[in-house]
Amino acid sequence: MSATDIERRRARRTPRHIPLHLVLALLVLYFLVPFWWVIVNSSKDSAALFGGTNALWFAPHLNYGENLAQLFTYNGGLYARWLANSALYAFAGGIGATVLAVLAGYGFATYRFAGRRAGFSILLGAVMVPTTALVMPTFILFSQVNLTNTIWSVILPTLLNPFGVFLMNLYARDALPEELLDAARVDGAGEFKAFVKVALPILRPAIVTVLLLSVVSSWNNYFLPLAMLTDNRLFPVTVGIGLWQSTASTYGAAGTNLWSIIILGSLVSIIPLIIAFLCLQRYWRGGLTVGALK
């Protein structure tokens, strides 16, 4: 095929891609404009925020430093405690949910046992149930064992991640050949050693994916801690910012000074998630089993 024919094909193909590119550009704007709004308005004081300045551009005077100081000193520095609480809930819940998902998904994919199909069917059914629908039954259950208003009332429910188990099961079935495990057993490796030395390196992309999904879900959890906790010192940052927002809305003009630190607090609260994605994205690699059986 000549170069001229290739150019003609590209010229005929390009118009078809224009609508798709336009849709993608609109989606990018849809997701980036709110983020840009938070970045811009977290730099303003209350006068600039409500003084008719352009909502999508900076005020003449950037107020990041003053707003940041107010954010971490307001209410005795309660925001820093909320950040620490969110980190604890996300770390404990995310790692715990990932460990259970890896073990359960690997077990469903590798072993044949009685009740395997029924158990996996129940798992699929659990994936379809919205987590918010389980908050009230969980609250009633925890109140009967006196676990409400404790950190365990937030951590323990997040350890169960049916979607993570489902994702690990699918990845293990597709990416983990049984011949590799059989070869490890023939070489004298036990089940635990075969899992650690053979399965875990291959499952690493799925493990990182489940870990990130679990951490983000735990960090952004709002309804569960709102229902479980009454002590504001145990609140995660999501519930804490919601508390400040309701306070600012209730007091009207008297609460306008709160809005600047609320917006900046929202911006600060997503920075740990951005760092986690940037640090872990290099582990999302596929094709780790290519050539493993040759």
C-alpha atoms as a PDB file:
ATOM      1  CA  MET A   1       0.000   0.000   0.000  1.00  0.00           C
ATOM      2  CA  SER A   2       1.423   3.349  -1.018  1.00  0.00           C
ATOM      3  CA  ALA A   3       1.831   6.375   1.208  1.00  0.00           C
ATOM      4  CA  THR A   4      -0.847   8.175  -0.797  1.00  0.00           C
ATOM      5  CA  ASP A   5      -3.410   5.467  -0.037  1.00  0.00           C
ATOM      6  CA  ILE A   6      -2.573   5.631   3.660  1.00  0.00           C
ATOM      7  CA  GLU A   7      -3.061   9.407   3.698  1.00  0.00           C
ATOM      8  CA  ARG A   8      -6.390   9.058   1.921  1.00  0.00           C
ATOM      9  CA  ARG A   9      -7.572   6.530   4.503  1.00  0.00           C
ATOM     10  CA  ARG A  10      -6.524   8.808   7.321  1.00  0.00           C
ATOM     11  CA  ALA A  11      -8.331  11.729   5.698  1.00  0.00           C
ATOM     12  CA  ARG A  12     -11.527   9.655   5.410  1.00  0.00           C
ATOM     13  CA  ARG A  13     -11.210   8.422   8.982  1.00  0.00           C
ATOM     14  CA  THR A  14     -10.593  11.779  10.660  1.00  0.00           C
ATOM     15  CA  PRO A  15     -14.116  13.290  10.329  1.00  0.00           C
ATOM     16  CA  ARG A  16     -15.566  10.278  12.150  1.00  0.00           C
ATOM     17  CA  HIS A  17     -13.339  10.990  15.134  1.00  0.00           C
ATOM     18  CA  ILE A  18     -14.340  14.638  15.477  1.00  0.00           C
ATOM     19  CA  PRO A  19     -17.632  13.979  17.377  1.00  0.00           C
ATOM     20  CA  LEU A  20     -15.830  11.595  19.715  1.00  0.00           C
ATOM     21  CA  HIS A  21     -13.123  14.160  20.411  1.00  0.00           C
ATOM     22  CA  LEU A  22     -15.760  16.798  21.101  1.00  0.00           C
ATOM     23  CA  VAL A  23     -17.515  14.510  23.590  1.00  0.00           C
ATOM     24  CA  LEU A  24     -14.214  13.755  25.311  1.00  0.00           C
ATOM     25  CA  ALA A  25     -13.374  17.464  25.467  1.00  0.00           C
ATOM     26  CA  LEU A  26     -16.762  18.189  27.072  1.00  0.00           C
ATOM     27  CA  LEU A  27     -16.191  15.430  29.621  1.00  0.00           C
ATOM     28  CA  VAL A  28     -12.768  16.846  30.452  1.00  0.00           C
ATOM     29  CA  LEU A  29     -14.301  20.285  31.008  1.00  0.00           C
ATOM     30  CA  TYR A  30     -17.109  18.767  33.063  1.00  0.00           C
ATOM     31  CA  PHE A  31     -14.617  17.215  35.490  1.00  0.00           C
ATOM     32  CA  LEU A  32     -11.952  19.932  35.497  1.00  0.00           C
ATOM     33  CA  VAL A  33     -14.113  23.059  35.878  1.00  0.00           C
ATOM     34  CA  PRO A  34     -15.299  22.216  39.447  1.00  0.00           C
ATOM     35  CA  PHE A  35     -11.724  21.355  40.435  1.00  0.00           C
ATOM     36  CA  TRP A  36     -10.490  24.643  38.973  1.00  0.00           C
ATOM     37  CA  TRP A  37     -13.270  26.492  40.810  1.00  0.00           C
ATOM     38  CA  VAL A  38     -12.095  25.030  44.133  1.00  0.00           C
ATOM     39  CA  ILE A  39      -8.463  25.964  43.417  1.00  0.00           C
ATOM     40  CA  VAL A  40      -9.407  29.549  42.499  1.00  0.00           C
ATOM     41  CA  ASN A  41     -11.887  30.266  45.279  1.00  0.00           C
ATOM     42  CA  SER A  42      -9.807  28.700  48.042  1.00  0.00           C
ATOM     43  CA  SER A  43      -7.398  31.606  47.488  1.00  0.00           C
ATOM     44  CA  LYS A  44     -10.020  34.270  48.281  1.00  0.00           C
ATOM     45  CA  ASP A  45     -11.131  35.806  51.529  1.00  0.00           C
ATOM     46  CA  SER A  46     -14.810  36.261  52.312  1.00  0.00           C
ATOM     47  CA  ALA A  47     -14.885  39.772  50.822  1.00  0.00           C
ATOM     48  CA  ALA A  48     -13.519  38.593  47.478  1.00  0.00           C
ATOM     49  CA  LEU A  49     -15.592  35.416  47.570  1.00  0.00           C
ATOM     50  CA  PHE A  50     -18.888  37.284  47.923  1.00  0.00           C
ATOM     51  CA  GLY A  51     -17.792  40.604  46.432  1.00  0.00           C
ATOM     52  CA  GLY A  52     -18.711  39.923  42.833  1.00  0.00           C
ATOM     53  CA  THR A  53     -15.276  38.811  41.604  1.00  0.00           C
ATOM     54  CA  ASN A  54     -14.979  36.339  38.755  1.00  0.00           C
ATOM     55  CA  ALA A  55     -15.758  32.922  40.208  1.00  0.00           C
ATOM     56  CA  LEU A  56     -13.394  31.196  37.760  1.00  0.00           C
ATOM     57  CA  TRP A  57     -10.405  33.500  38.219  1.00  0.00           C
ATOM     58  CA  PHE A  58      -8.189  34.639  41.053  1.00  0.00           C
ATOM     59  CA  ALA A  59      -8.697  37.788  43.070  1.00  0.00           C
ATOM     60  CA  PRO A  60      -5.960  40.459  42.960  1.00  0.00           C
ATOM     61  CA  HIS A  61      -4.710  39.323  46.352  1.00  0.00           C
ATOM     62  CA  LEU A  62      -4.078  35.607  46.884  1.00  0.00           C
ATOM     63  CA  ASN A  63      -5.137  34.570  50.361  1.00  0.00           C
ATOM     64  CA  TYR A  64      -3.855  30.978  50.496  1.00  0.00           C
ATOM     65  CA  GLY A  65      -1.582  31.552  53.490  1.00  0.00           C
ATOM     66  CA  GLU A  66      -4.165  33.299  55.650  1.00  0.00           C
ATOM     67  CA  ASN A  67      -6.885  30.809  54.764  1.00  0.00           C
ATOM     68  CA  LEU A  68      -4.560  27.886  55.473  1.00  0.00           C
ATOM     69  CA  ALA A  69      -3.663  29.306  58.881  1.00  0.00           C
ATOM     70  CA  GLN A  70      -7.342  29.792  59.716  1.00  0.00           C
ATOM     71  CA  LEU A  71      -8.154  26.299  58.471  1.00  0.00           C
ATOM     72  CA  PHE A  72      -5.744  24.599  60.865  1.00  0.00           C
ATOM     73  CA  THR A  73      -6.478  26.868  63.853  1.00  0.00           C
ATOM     74  CA  TYR A  74     -10.269  27.125  63.644  1.00  0.00           C
ATOM     75  CA  ASN A  75     -12.055  25.284  66.483  1.00  0.00           C
ATOM     76  CA  GLY A  76      -8.749  24.515  68.145  1.00  0.00           C
ATOM     77  CA  GLY A  77      -7.226  22.868  65.071  1.00  0.00           C
ATOM     78  CA  LEU A  78     -10.040  20.358  64.676  1.00  0.00           C
ATOM     79  CA  TYR A  79      -9.452  20.069  60.932  1.00  0.00           C
ATOM     80  CA  ALA A  80      -6.044  18.439  61.477  1.00  0.00           C
ATOM     81  CA  ARG A  81      -7.702  15.827  63.695  1.00  0.00           C
ATOM     82  CA  TRP A  82     -10.330  15.189  61.030  1.00  0.00           C
ATOM     83  CA  LEU A  83      -7.574  14.656  58.466  1.00  0.00           C
ATOM     84  CA  ALA A  84      -5.838  12.214  60.813  1.00  0.00           C
ATOM     85  CA  ASN A  85      -9.138  10.378  61.359  1.00  0.00           C
ATOM     86  CA  SER A  86      -9.712  10.101  57.607  1.00  0.00           C
ATOM     87  CA  ALA A  87      -6.165   8.793  57.152  1.00  0.00           C
ATOM     88  CA  LEU A  88      -6.743   6.172  59.857  1.00  0.00           C
ATOM     89  CA  TYR A  89     -10.087   5.057  58.444  1.00  0.00           C
ATOM     90  CA  ALA A  90      -8.736   4.956  54.872  1.00  0.00           C
ATOM     91  CA  PHE A  91      -5.500   3.192  55.832  1.00  0.00           C
ATOM     92  CA  ALA A  92      -7.061   0.564  58.086  1.00  0.00           C
ATOM     93  CA  GLY A  93     -10.183   0.047  56.004  1.00  0.00           C
ATOM     94  CA  GLY A  94      -8.399   0.155  52.647  1.00  0.00           C
ATOM     95  CA  ILE A  95      -5.604  -2.257  53.551  1.00  0.00           C
ATOM     96  CA  GLY A  96      -7.943  -4.573  55.436  1.00  0.00           C
ATOM     97  CA  ALA A  97     -10.451  -4.657  52.582  1.00  0.00           C
ATOM     98  CA  THR A  98      -7.651  -5.287  50.072  1.00  0.00           C
ATOM     99  CA  VAL A  99      -6.203  -8.195  52.070  1.00  0.00           C
ATOM    100  CA  LEU A 100      -9.604  -9.844  52.414  1.00  0.00           C
ATOM    101  CA  ALA A 101     -10.422  -9.232  48.737  1.00  0.00           C
ATOM    102  CA  VAL A 102      -7.106 -10.733  47.567  1.00  0.00           C
ATOM    103  CA  LEU A 103      -7.480 -13.837  49.733  1.00  0.00           C
ATOM    104  CA  ALA A 104     -11.141 -14.376  48.855  1.00  0.00           C
ATOM    105  CA  GLY A 105     -10.706 -13.652  45.141  1.00  0.00           C
ATOM    106  CA  TYR A 106      -7.677 -15.935  44.893  1.00  0.00           C
ATOM    107  CA  GLY A 107      -9.537 -18.680  46.741  1.00  0.00           C
ATOM    108  CA  PHE A 108     -12.589 -18.475  44.495  1.00  0.00           C
ATOM    109  CA  ALA A 109     -10.412 -18.491  41.365  1.00  0.00           C
ATOM    110  CA  THR A 110      -7.952 -21.233  42.338  1.00  0.00           C
ATOM    111  CA  TYR A 111      -9.662 -23.790  44.549  1.00  0.00           C
ATOM    112  CA  ARG A 112     -12.649 -26.045  44.010  1.00  0.00           C
ATOM    113  CA  PHE A 113     -14.706 -26.569  47.153  1.00  0.00           C
ATOM    114  CA  ALA A 114     -18.270 -27.316  48.208  1.00  0.00           C
ATOM    115  CA  GLY A 115     -20.516 -24.287  48.005  1.00  0.00           C
ATOM    116  CA  ARG A 116     -18.124 -22.358  45.764  1.00  0.00           C
ATOM    117  CA  ARG A 117     -20.721 -21.462  43.145  1.00  0.00           C
ATOM    118  CA  ALA A 118     -23.364 -20.605  45.742  1.00  0.00           C
ATOM    119  CA  GLY A 119     -20.892 -18.425  47.645  1.00  0.00           C
ATOM    120  CA  PHE A 120     -19.853 -16.608  44.489  1.00  0.00           C
ATOM    121  CA  SER A 121     -23.514 -16.054  43.567  1.00  0.00           C
ATOM    122  CA  ILE A 122     -24.098 -14.482  46.980  1.00  0.00           C
ATOM    123  CA  LEU A 123     -21.036 -12.318  46.373  1.00  0.00           C
ATOM    124  CA  LEU A 124     -22.445 -11.111  43.052  1.00  0.00           C
ATOM    125  CA  GLY A 125     -25.707 -10.284  44.778  1.00  0.00           C
ATOM    126  CA  ALA A 126     -23.823  -8.279  47.411  1.00  0.00           C
ATOM    127  CA  VAL A 127     -22.155  -6.237  44.647  1.00  0.00           C
ATOM    128  CA  MET A 128     -25.599  -5.098  43.495  1.00  0.00           C
ATOM    129  CA  VAL A 129     -26.663  -3.820  46.928  1.00  0.00           C
ATOM    130  CA  PRO A 130     -25.939  -0.091  47.480  1.00  0.00           C
ATOM    131  CA  THR A 131     -23.724   0.460  50.491  1.00  0.00           C
ATOM    132  CA  THR A 132     -25.980   3.252  51.742  1.00  0.00           C
ATOM    133  CA  ALA A 133     -28.835   0.733  52.042  1.00  0.00           C
ATOM    134  CA  LEU A 134     -26.773  -1.189  54.606  1.00  0.00           C
ATOM    135  CA  VAL A 135     -25.949   1.758  56.865  1.00  0.00           C
ATOM    136  CA  MET A 136     -29.089   1.637  58.996  1.00  0.00           C
ATOM    137  CA  PRO A 137     -29.014  -2.170  59.548  1.00  0.00           C
ATOM    138  CA  THR A 138     -25.317  -1.873  60.382  1.00  0.00           C
ATOM    139  CA  PHE A 139     -26.049   0.948  62.831  1.00  0.00           C
ATOM    140  CA  ILE A 140     -28.694  -1.167  64.598  1.00  0.00           C
ATOM    141  CA  LEU A 141     -26.316  -4.128  64.766  1.00  0.00           C
ATOM    142  CA  PHE A 142     -23.429  -2.065  66.141  1.00  0.00           C
ATOM    143  CA  SER A 143     -25.640  -0.271  68.652  1.00  0.00           C
ATOM    144  CA  GLN A 144     -26.569  -3.640  70.160  1.00  0.00           C
ATOM    145  CA  VAL A 145     -22.897  -4.427  70.822  1.00  0.00           C
ATOM    146  CA  ASN A 146     -22.016  -0.872  71.941  1.00  0.00           C
ATOM    147  CA  LEU A 147     -19.692  -0.113  69.024  1.00  0.00           C
ATOM    148  CA  THR A 148     -21.374   3.052  67.803  1.00  0.00           C
ATOM    149  CA  ASN A 149     -19.446   6.316  68.240  1.00  0.00           C
ATOM    150  CA  THR A 150     -16.143   4.424  68.050  1.00  0.00           C
ATOM    151  CA  ILE A 151     -13.554   4.165  65.297  1.00  0.00           C
ATOM    152  CA  TRP A 152     -14.501   0.490  64.840  1.00  0.00           C
ATOM    153  CA  SER A 153     -17.999   1.453  63.725  1.00  0.00           C
ATOM    154  CA  VAL A 154     -16.383   3.112  60.693  1.00  0.00           C
ATOM    155  CA  ILE A 155     -13.493   0.703  60.048  1.00  0.00           C
ATOM    156  CA  LEU A 156     -15.198  -2.688  60.370  1.00  0.00           C
ATOM    157  CA  PRO A 157     -17.953  -2.161  57.736  1.00  0.00           C
ATOM    158  CA  THR A 158     -15.395  -0.907  55.196  1.00  0.00           C
ATOM    159  CA  LEU A 159     -13.419  -4.164  55.450  1.00  0.00           C
ATOM    160  CA  LEU A 160     -16.060  -5.893  53.348  1.00  0.00           C
ATOM    161  CA  ASN A 161     -15.620  -5.047  49.673  1.00  0.00           C
ATOM    162  CA  PRO A 162     -17.604  -7.462  47.459  1.00  0.00           C
ATOM    163  CA  PHE A 163     -16.615  -5.623  44.293  1.00  0.00           C
ATOM    164  CA  GLY A 164     -12.947  -5.978  45.237  1.00  0.00           C
ATOM    165  CA  VAL A 165     -13.382  -9.728  45.674  1.00  0.00           C
ATOM    166  CA  PHE A 166     -15.175  -9.921  42.332  1.00  0.00           C
ATOM    167  CA  LEU A 167     -12.413  -7.936  40.603  1.00  0.00           C
ATOM    168  CA  MET A 168      -9.639 -10.051  42.144  1.00  0.00           C
ATOM    169  CA  ASN A 169     -11.438 -13.251  41.151  1.00  0.00           C
ATOM    170  CA  LEU A 170     -11.759 -12.141  37.524  1.00  0.00           C
ATOM    171  CA  TYR A 171      -8.138 -11.026  37.306  1.00  0.00           C
ATOM    172  CA  ALA A 172      -6.811 -14.171  38.994  1.00  0.00           C
ATOM    173  CA  ARG A 173      -8.748 -16.421  36.612  1.00  0.00           C
ATOM    174  CA  ASP A 174      -7.459 -14.587  33.529  1.00  0.00           C
ATOM    175  CA  ALA A 175      -3.900 -13.674  34.540  1.00  0.00           C
ATOM    176  CA  LEU A 176      -2.835 -16.559  36.785  1.00  0.00           C
ATOM    177  CA  PRO A 177      -2.318 -19.802  34.824  1.00  0.00           C
ATOM    178  CA  GLU A 178      -2.882 -22.970  36.819  1.00  0.00           C
ATOM    179  CA  GLU A 179       0.260 -24.430  35.252  1.00  0.00           C
ATOM    180  CA  LEU A 180       2.384 -21.908  37.148  1.00  0.00           C
ATOM    181  CA  LEU A 181       0.913 -22.961  40.469  1.00  0.00           C
ATOM    182  CA  ASP A 182       1.218 -26.636  39.541  1.00  0.00           C
ATOM    183  CA  ALA A 183       4.876 -26.097  38.629  1.00  0.00           C
ATOM    184  CA  ALA A 184       5.494 -24.416  41.978  1.00  0.00           C
ATOM    185  CA  ARG A 185       3.852 -27.321  43.807  1.00  0.00           C
ATOM    186  CA  VAL A 186       5.925 -29.838  41.858  1.00  0.00           C
ATOM    187  CA  ASP A 187       9.058 -27.931  42.883  1.00  0.00           C
ATOM    188  CA  GLY A 188       8.076 -28.437  46.523  1.00  0.00           C
ATOM    189  CA  ALA A 189       6.362 -25.135  47.318  1.00  0.00           C
ATOM    190  CA  GLY A 190       3.429 -25.281  49.685  1.00  0.00           C
ATOM    191  CA  GLU A 191       0.169 -23.463  49.112  1.00  0.00           C
ATOM    192  CA  PHE A 192       1.238 -20.413  51.093  1.00  0.00           C
ATOM    193  CA  LYS A 193       4.630 -20.167  49.397  1.00  0.00           C
ATOM    194  CA  ALA A 194       3.057 -20.598  45.951  1.00  0.00           C
ATOM    195  CA  PHE A 195       0.605 -17.826  46.786  1.00  0.00           C
ATOM    196  CA  VAL A 196       3.300 -15.421  48.029  1.00  0.00           C
ATOM    197  CA  LYS A 197       6.059 -16.171  45.497  1.00  0.00           C
ATOM    198  CA  VAL A 198       4.017 -16.895  42.360  1.00  0.00           C
ATOM    199  CA  ALA A 199       0.512 -15.448  42.647  1.00  0.00           C
ATOM    200  CA  LEU A 200       1.097 -12.117  44.395  1.00  0.00           C
ATOM    201  CA  PRO A 201       3.618 -10.696  41.860  1.00  0.00           C
ATOM    202  CA  ILE A 202       1.251 -11.546  39.012  1.00  0.00           C
ATOM    203  CA  LEU A 203      -1.770 -10.128  40.829  1.00  0.00           C
ATOM    204  CA  ARG A 204      -0.011  -6.871  41.708  1.00  0.00           C
ATOM    205  CA  PRO A 205      -1.890  -4.625  39.197  1.00  0.00           C
ATOM    206  CA  ALA A 206      -5.243  -5.876  40.469  1.00  0.00           C
ATOM    207  CA  ILE A 207      -4.093  -5.556  44.091  1.00  0.00           C
ATOM    208  CA  VAL A 208      -3.087  -1.923  43.563  1.00  0.00           C
ATOM    209  CA  THR A 209      -6.398  -1.226  41.820  1.00  0.00           C
ATOM    210  CA  VAL A 210      -8.433  -2.732  44.655  1.00  0.00           C
ATOM    211  CA  LEU A 211      -6.276  -0.899  47.202  1.00  0.00           C
ATOM    212  CA  LEU A 212      -6.850   2.470  45.530  1.00  0.00           C
ATOM    213  CA  LEU A 213     -10.575   1.872  45.136  1.00  0.00           C
ATOM    214  CA  SER A 214     -10.856   0.821  48.786  1.00  0.00           C
ATOM    215  CA  VAL A 215      -8.804   3.753  50.073  1.00  0.00           C
ATOM    216  CA  VAL A 216     -10.748   6.281  47.993  1.00  0.00           C
ATOM    217  CA  SER A 217     -14.045   4.757  49.093  1.00  0.00           C
ATOM    218  CA  SER A 218     -13.023   4.866  52.757  1.00  0.00           C
ATOM    219  CA  TRP A 219     -11.642   8.411  52.460  1.00  0.00           C
ATOM    220  CA  ASN A 220     -14.801   9.715  50.772  1.00  0.00           C
ATOM    221  CA  ASN A 221     -17.140   7.809  53.093  1.00  0.00           C
ATOM    222  CA  TYR A 222     -19.777  10.197  54.399  1.00  0.00           C
ATOM    223  CA  PHE A 223     -23.089   8.562  55.266  1.00  0.00           C
ATOM    224  CA  LEU A 224     -21.655   5.729  57.393  1.00  0.00           C
ATOM    225  CA  PRO A 225     -19.619   7.920  59.798  1.00  0.00           C
ATOM    226  CA  LEU A 226     -22.428  10.484  59.835  1.00  0.00           C
ATOM    227  CA  ALA A 227     -24.800   7.803  61.138  1.00  0.00           C
ATOM    228  CA  MET A 228     -22.323   6.059  63.449  1.00  0.00           C
ATOM    229  CA  LEU A 229     -20.506   8.959  65.111  1.00  0.00           C
ATOM    230  CA  THR A 230     -21.718  11.703  67.433  1.00  0.00           C
ATOM    231  CA  ASP A 231     -18.364  12.886  68.791  1.00  0.00           C
ATOM    232  CA  ASN A 232     -17.001  15.503  66.382  1.00  0.00           C
ATOM    233  CA  ARG A 233     -13.442  14.564  67.384  1.00  0.00           C
ATOM    234  CA  LEU A 234     -13.973  11.210  65.638  1.00  0.00           C
ATOM    235  CA  PHE A 235     -15.385  12.700  62.434  1.00  0.00           C
ATOM    236  CA  PRO A 236     -13.557  12.164  59.148  1.00  0.00           C
ATOM    237  CA  VAL A 237     -12.855  15.221  57.056  1.00  0.00           C
ATOM    238  CA  THR A 238     -15.919  14.646  54.855  1.00  0.00           C
ATOM    239  CA  VAL A 239     -18.346  14.816  57.772  1.00  0.00           C
ATOM    240  CA  GLY A 240     -16.393  17.638  59.399  1.00  0.00           C
ATOM    241  CA  ILE A 241     -16.573  19.853  56.321  1.00  0.00           C
ATOM    242  CA  GLY A 242     -20.269  19.032  56.058  1.00  0.00           C
ATOM    243  CA  LEU A 243     -20.692  20.181  59.660  1.00  0.00           C
ATOM    244  CA  TRP A 244     -18.959  23.482  58.906  1.00  0.00           C
ATOM    245  CA  GLN A 245     -21.057  23.923  55.784  1.00  0.00           C
ATOM    246  CA  SER A 246     -24.308  23.471  57.696  1.00  0.00           C
ATOM    247  CA  THR A 247     -23.047  25.932  60.323  1.00  0.00           C
ATOM    248  CA  ALA A 248     -22.182  28.533  57.690  1.00  0.00           C
ATOM    249  CA  SER A 249     -25.571  28.088  56.006  1.00  0.00           C
ATOM    250  CA  THR A 250     -27.415  28.365  59.317  1.00  0.00           C
ATOM    251  CA  TYR A 251     -25.780  31.620  60.421  1.00  0.00           C
ATOM    252  CA  GLY A 252     -26.122  33.324  57.028  1.00  0.00           C
ATOM    253  CA  ALA A 253     -24.066  36.497  56.764  1.00  0.00           C
ATOM    254  CA  ALA A 254     -22.389  35.766  60.087  1.00  0.00           C
ATOM    255  CA  GLY A 255     -21.037  32.534  58.663  1.00  0.00           C
ATOM    256  CA  THR A 256     -19.568  33.956  55.481  1.00  0.00           C
ATOM    257  CA  ASN A 257     -16.049  33.852  56.970  1.00  0.00           C
ATOM    258  CA  LEU A 258     -16.358  30.069  57.140  1.00  0.00           C
ATOM    259  CA  TRP A 259     -16.818  29.556  53.416  1.00  0.00           C
ATOM    260  CA  SER A 260     -13.216  30.399  52.533  1.00  0.00           C
ATOM    261  CA  ILE A 261     -11.800  27.757  54.864  1.00  0.00           C
ATOM    262  CA  ILE A 262     -14.514  25.284  53.840  1.00  0.00           C
ATOM    263  CA  ILE A 263     -13.453  25.559  50.193  1.00  0.00           C
ATOM    264  CA  LEU A 264      -9.759  25.361  51.083  1.00  0.00           C
ATOM    265  CA  GLY A 265     -10.464  22.409  53.373  1.00  0.00           C
ATOM    266  CA  SER A 266     -12.143  20.626  50.472  1.00  0.00           C
ATOM    267  CA  LEU A 267      -9.058  21.242  48.336  1.00  0.00           C
ATOM    268  CA  VAL A 268      -6.645  20.041  51.025  1.00  0.00           C
ATOM    269  CA  SER A 269      -8.725  16.915  51.619  1.00  0.00           C
ATOM    270  CA  ILE A 270      -8.190  15.617  48.082  1.00  0.00           C
ATOM    271  CA  ILE A 271      -4.421  16.168  48.010  1.00  0.00           C
ATOM    272  CA  PRO A 272      -3.658  12.846  49.780  1.00  0.00           C
ATOM    273  CA  LEU A 273      -5.716  10.985  47.178  1.00  0.00           C
ATOM    274  CA  ILE A 274      -3.851  12.686  44.334  1.00  0.00           C
ATOM    275  CA  ILE A 275      -0.527  11.744  45.948  1.00  0.00           C
ATOM    276  CA  ALA A 276      -1.690   8.139  46.358  1.00  0.00           C
ATOM    277  CA  PHE A 277      -2.644   7.896  42.686  1.00  0.00           C
ATOM    278  CA  LEU A 278       0.639   9.420  41.532  1.00  0.00           C
ATOM    279  CA  CYS A 279       2.694   7.097  43.739  1.00  0.00           C
ATOM    280  CA  LEU A 280       0.856   3.893  42.850  1.00  0.00           C
ATOM    281  CA  GLN A 281       0.132   4.414  39.157  1.00  0.00           C
ATOM    282  CA  ARG A 282       3.481   2.897  38.126  1.00  0.00           C
ATOM    283  CA  TYR A 283       2.328  -0.447  39.534  1.00  0.00           C
ATOM    284  CA  TRP A 284      -0.561  -0.638  37.055  1.00  0.00           C
ATOM    285  CA  ARG A 285       1.179  -2.847  34.582  1.00  0.00           C
ATOM    286  CA  GLY A 286      -0.374  -5.612  32.610  1.00  0.00           C
ATOM    287  CA  GLY A 287       1.137  -8.478  30.710  1.00  0.00           C
ATOM    288  CA  LEU A 288       3.215  -9.755  33.605  1.00  0.00           C
ATOM    289  CA  THR A 289       2.512 -13.356  32.618  1.00  0.00           C
ATOM    290  CA  VAL A 290       3.508 -12.977  28.956  1.00  0.00           C
ATOM    291  CA  GLY A 291       6.023 -15.701  28.201  1.00  0.00           C
ATOM    292  CA  ALA A 292       5.780 -17.197  31.673  1.00  0.00           C
ATOM    293  CA  LEU A 293       4.902 -20.620  30.318  1.00  0.00           C
ATOM    294  CA  LYS A 294       7.516 -20.679  27.578  1.00  0.00           C
END
